[in-house]
Amino acid sequence: SGQVRGLCGTFNGDQRDEFTTPEGDVEPSVAAFANAFRAAGACPALGPGIPDPCDGFPGSRERAEAACAVLMGPAFQ
């Protein structure tokens, strides 16, 4: 706790600084934060909207919803 920083956040209990970039800036949006870690030329920059991961993996939505149903079920309440 308090010793990490990156795409997984800061893990310091303060959600206001979760989107801290490698330069130390705090970005207001997910897209701007993710783009700060993007390797130039490795992948396209994210736009302002968050893409639906199921759009890129047809058939995955059903498997994801089944897995989430377990996590949202009585065993984890």
N, C-alpha and C. Protein backbone atom coordinates (compact mmCIF):
# COMPACT_ATOMS: atom_id res chain seq x y z
N SER A 1 0.82 -1.18 0.00
CA SER A 1 0.00 0.00 0.00
C SER A 1 0.88 1.25 0.00
N GLY A 2 0.52 2.21 -0.85
CA GLY A 2 1.25 3.47 -0.90
C GLY A 2 2.58 3.39 -1.63
N GLN A 3 2.90 2.25 -2.23
CA GLN A 3 4.19 2.09 -2.90
C GLN A 3 4.06 1.79 -4.38
N VAL A 4 2.84 1.86 -4.92
CA VAL A 4 2.64 1.56 -6.33
C VAL A 4 2.07 2.77 -7.05
N ARG A 5 2.28 2.79 -8.36
CA ARG A 5 1.71 3.83 -9.20
C ARG A 5 1.73 3.32 -10.62
N GLY A 6 0.66 3.50 -11.35
CA GLY A 6 0.61 3.04 -12.73
C GLY A 6 -0.81 2.78 -13.17
N LEU A 7 -0.95 1.90 -14.15
CA LEU A 7 -2.27 1.61 -14.70
C LEU A 7 -3.20 1.00 -13.67
N CYS A 8 -2.68 0.41 -12.63
CA CYS A 8 -3.53 -0.18 -11.59
C CYS A 8 -3.84 0.81 -10.47
N GLY A 9 -3.43 2.05 -10.59
CA GLY A 9 -3.74 3.06 -9.59
C GLY A 9 -2.61 3.25 -8.59
N THR A 10 -2.92 3.94 -7.51
CA THR A 10 -1.90 4.27 -6.51
C THR A 10 -1.99 3.43 -5.25
N PHE A 11 -3.15 2.82 -5.01
CA PHE A 11 -3.38 1.96 -3.84
C PHE A 11 -2.95 2.64 -2.54
N ASN A 12 -3.42 3.89 -2.38
CA ASN A 12 -3.09 4.62 -1.16
C ASN A 12 -4.34 5.07 -0.39
N GLY A 13 -5.52 4.60 -0.82
CA GLY A 13 -6.75 4.95 -0.13
C GLY A 13 -7.37 6.26 -0.59
N ASP A 14 -6.70 6.99 -1.48
CA ASP A 14 -7.21 8.27 -1.97
C ASP A 14 -7.59 8.11 -3.43
N GLN A 15 -8.89 7.99 -3.72
CA GLN A 15 -9.33 7.76 -5.09
C GLN A 15 -9.14 8.97 -5.99
N ARG A 16 -8.88 10.12 -5.43
CA ARG A 16 -8.70 11.32 -6.26
C ARG A 16 -7.42 11.28 -7.07
N ASP A 17 -6.44 10.45 -6.70
CA ASP A 17 -5.18 10.41 -7.45
C ASP A 17 -4.95 9.08 -8.18
N GLU A 18 -6.03 8.31 -8.39
CA GLU A 18 -5.90 7.02 -9.06
C GLU A 18 -5.40 7.15 -10.50
N PHE A 19 -5.73 8.24 -11.18
CA PHE A 19 -5.33 8.41 -12.57
C PHE A 19 -4.06 9.25 -12.68
N THR A 20 -3.06 8.97 -11.85
CA THR A 20 -1.78 9.68 -11.90
C THR A 20 -0.93 9.13 -13.04
N THR A 21 -0.47 10.01 -13.92
CA THR A 21 0.33 9.62 -15.08
C THR A 21 1.80 9.43 -14.69
N PRO A 22 2.60 8.87 -15.60
CA PRO A 22 4.03 8.74 -15.32
C PRO A 22 4.71 10.08 -15.02
N GLU A 23 4.14 11.17 -15.55
CA GLU A 23 4.71 12.50 -15.30
C GLU A 23 4.25 13.10 -13.98
N GLY A 24 3.31 12.43 -13.30
CA GLY A 24 2.82 12.93 -12.02
C GLY A 24 1.55 13.75 -12.11
N ASP A 25 1.01 13.92 -13.32
CA ASP A 25 -0.25 14.64 -13.49
C ASP A 25 -1.41 13.72 -13.15
N VAL A 26 -2.51 14.28 -12.68
CA VAL A 26 -3.73 13.50 -12.43
C VAL A 26 -4.71 13.83 -13.54
N GLU A 27 -5.02 12.82 -14.36
CA GLU A 27 -5.94 13.00 -15.49
C GLU A 27 -7.39 12.87 -15.03
N PRO A 28 -8.30 13.65 -15.64
CA PRO A 28 -9.70 13.59 -15.23
C PRO A 28 -10.49 12.45 -15.87
N SER A 29 -9.95 11.84 -16.94
CA SER A 29 -10.73 10.81 -17.63
C SER A 29 -9.90 9.54 -17.83
N VAL A 30 -10.61 8.44 -18.00
CA VAL A 30 -9.96 7.15 -18.23
C VAL A 30 -9.15 7.18 -19.51
N ALA A 31 -9.71 7.74 -20.59
CA ALA A 31 -9.03 7.76 -21.88
C ALA A 31 -7.72 8.54 -21.80
N ALA A 32 -7.75 9.72 -21.20
CA ALA A 32 -6.53 10.52 -21.08
C ALA A 32 -5.49 9.81 -20.23
N PHE A 33 -5.93 9.15 -19.18
CA PHE A 33 -5.02 8.40 -18.31
C PHE A 33 -4.38 7.24 -19.08
N ALA A 34 -5.19 6.46 -19.78
CA ALA A 34 -4.66 5.32 -20.53
C ALA A 34 -3.73 5.79 -21.63
N ASN A 35 -4.06 6.88 -22.31
CA ASN A 35 -3.20 7.39 -23.38
C ASN A 35 -1.85 7.85 -22.85
N ALA A 36 -1.77 8.26 -21.59
CA ALA A 36 -0.50 8.68 -21.00
C ALA A 36 0.48 7.52 -20.89
N PHE A 37 -0.03 6.29 -20.82
CA PHE A 37 0.82 5.11 -20.72
C PHE A 37 1.03 4.42 -22.07
N ARG A 38 0.41 4.92 -23.12
CA ARG A 38 0.48 4.30 -24.45
C ARG A 38 1.85 4.47 -25.05
N ALA A 39 2.39 3.37 -25.56
CA ALA A 39 3.68 3.44 -26.27
C ALA A 39 3.41 3.99 -27.67
N ALA A 40 4.15 5.00 -28.07
CA ALA A 40 3.93 5.64 -29.36
C ALA A 40 3.98 4.61 -30.49
N GLY A 41 2.95 4.61 -31.30
CA GLY A 41 2.90 3.72 -32.45
C GLY A 41 2.48 2.30 -32.15
N ALA A 42 2.37 1.92 -30.88
CA ALA A 42 2.04 0.55 -30.52
C ALA A 42 0.55 0.27 -30.69
N CYS A 43 -0.28 1.25 -30.45
CA CYS A 43 -1.73 1.07 -30.57
C CYS A 43 -2.36 2.45 -30.73
N PRO A 44 -3.58 2.49 -31.27
CA PRO A 44 -4.23 3.80 -31.45
C PRO A 44 -4.63 4.41 -30.10
N ALA A 45 -4.65 5.73 -30.08
CA ALA A 45 -5.06 6.43 -28.86
C ALA A 45 -6.54 6.20 -28.63
N LEU A 46 -6.94 6.15 -27.37
CA LEU A 46 -8.35 6.00 -27.02
C LEU A 46 -9.05 7.33 -27.20
N GLY A 47 -10.29 7.26 -27.64
CA GLY A 47 -11.12 8.45 -27.74
C GLY A 47 -11.75 8.74 -26.40
N PRO A 48 -12.64 9.72 -26.35
CA PRO A 48 -13.24 10.09 -25.07
C PRO A 48 -14.17 9.02 -24.50
N GLY A 49 -14.74 8.18 -25.34
CA GLY A 49 -15.63 7.13 -24.85
C GLY A 49 -14.84 5.86 -24.53
N ILE A 50 -15.35 5.06 -23.62
CA ILE A 50 -14.70 3.81 -23.27
C ILE A 50 -15.27 2.72 -24.18
N PRO A 51 -14.42 2.04 -24.96
CA PRO A 51 -14.95 1.00 -25.86
C PRO A 51 -15.48 -0.19 -25.06
N ASP A 52 -16.50 -0.82 -25.60
CA ASP A 52 -17.06 -2.01 -24.98
C ASP A 52 -16.16 -3.19 -25.35
N PRO A 53 -15.52 -3.84 -24.38
CA PRO A 53 -14.60 -4.92 -24.70
C PRO A 53 -15.27 -6.09 -25.40
N CYS A 54 -16.56 -6.26 -25.23
CA CYS A 54 -17.26 -7.36 -25.88
C CYS A 54 -17.39 -7.14 -27.38
N ASP A 55 -17.30 -5.88 -27.84
CA ASP A 55 -17.39 -5.62 -29.27
C ASP A 55 -16.21 -6.24 -30.03
N GLY A 56 -15.05 -6.30 -29.40
CA GLY A 56 -13.87 -6.85 -30.04
C GLY A 56 -13.76 -8.36 -29.92
N PHE A 57 -14.58 -8.96 -29.10
CA PHE A 57 -14.52 -10.40 -28.87
C PHE A 57 -15.93 -10.99 -28.94
N PRO A 58 -16.44 -11.21 -30.14
CA PRO A 58 -17.81 -11.75 -30.27
C PRO A 58 -17.95 -13.07 -29.50
N GLY A 59 -19.06 -13.22 -28.83
CA GLY A 59 -19.31 -14.43 -28.06
C GLY A 59 -18.82 -14.36 -26.64
N SER A 60 -18.04 -13.35 -26.31
CA SER A 60 -17.49 -13.24 -24.96
C SER A 60 -18.49 -12.67 -23.96
N ARG A 61 -19.46 -11.93 -24.44
CA ARG A 61 -20.41 -11.29 -23.53
C ARG A 61 -21.12 -12.33 -22.66
N GLU A 62 -21.57 -13.42 -23.27
CA GLU A 62 -22.28 -14.45 -22.52
C GLU A 62 -21.39 -15.06 -21.45
N ARG A 63 -20.14 -15.36 -21.80
CA ARG A 63 -19.20 -15.93 -20.81
C ARG A 63 -18.91 -14.94 -19.70
N ALA A 64 -18.76 -13.67 -20.04
CA ALA A 64 -18.49 -12.65 -19.03
C ALA A 64 -19.67 -12.47 -18.10
N GLU A 65 -20.88 -12.45 -18.65
CA GLU A 65 -22.07 -12.29 -17.82
C GLU A 65 -22.26 -13.48 -16.89
N ALA A 66 -21.94 -14.69 -17.37
CA ALA A 66 -22.04 -15.88 -16.52
C ALA A 66 -21.02 -15.81 -15.38
N ALA A 67 -19.81 -15.38 -15.69
CA ALA A 67 -18.78 -15.26 -14.65
C ALA A 67 -19.15 -14.18 -13.63
N CYS A 68 -19.68 -13.06 -14.10
CA CYS A 68 -20.07 -11.99 -13.19
C CYS A 68 -21.26 -12.40 -12.32
N ALA A 69 -22.13 -13.24 -12.87
CA ALA A 69 -23.29 -13.69 -12.09
C ALA A 69 -22.83 -14.45 -10.85
N VAL A 70 -21.76 -15.20 -10.97
CA VAL A 70 -21.22 -15.91 -9.81
C VAL A 70 -20.73 -14.91 -8.78
N LEU A 71 -20.00 -13.89 -9.22
CA LEU A 71 -19.46 -12.89 -8.30
C LEU A 71 -20.55 -12.04 -7.65
N MET A 72 -21.63 -11.86 -8.36
CA MET A 72 -22.73 -11.06 -7.82
C MET A 72 -23.74 -11.91 -7.03
N GLY A 73 -23.52 -13.21 -7.01
CA GLY A 73 -24.44 -14.13 -6.35
C GLY A 73 -24.29 -14.16 -4.84
N PRO A 74 -25.09 -15.01 -4.19
CA PRO A 74 -25.13 -15.06 -2.72
C PRO A 74 -23.80 -15.48 -2.09
N ALA A 75 -22.99 -16.23 -2.78
CA ALA A 75 -21.72 -16.68 -2.18
C ALA A 75 -20.80 -15.50 -1.84
N PHE A 76 -20.93 -14.38 -2.54
CA PHE A 76 -20.06 -13.23 -2.33
C PHE A 76 -20.76 -12.04 -1.68
N GLN A 77 -21.94 -12.26 -1.13
CA GLN A 77 -22.65 -11.14 -0.51
C GLN A 77 -22.31 -11.05 0.96
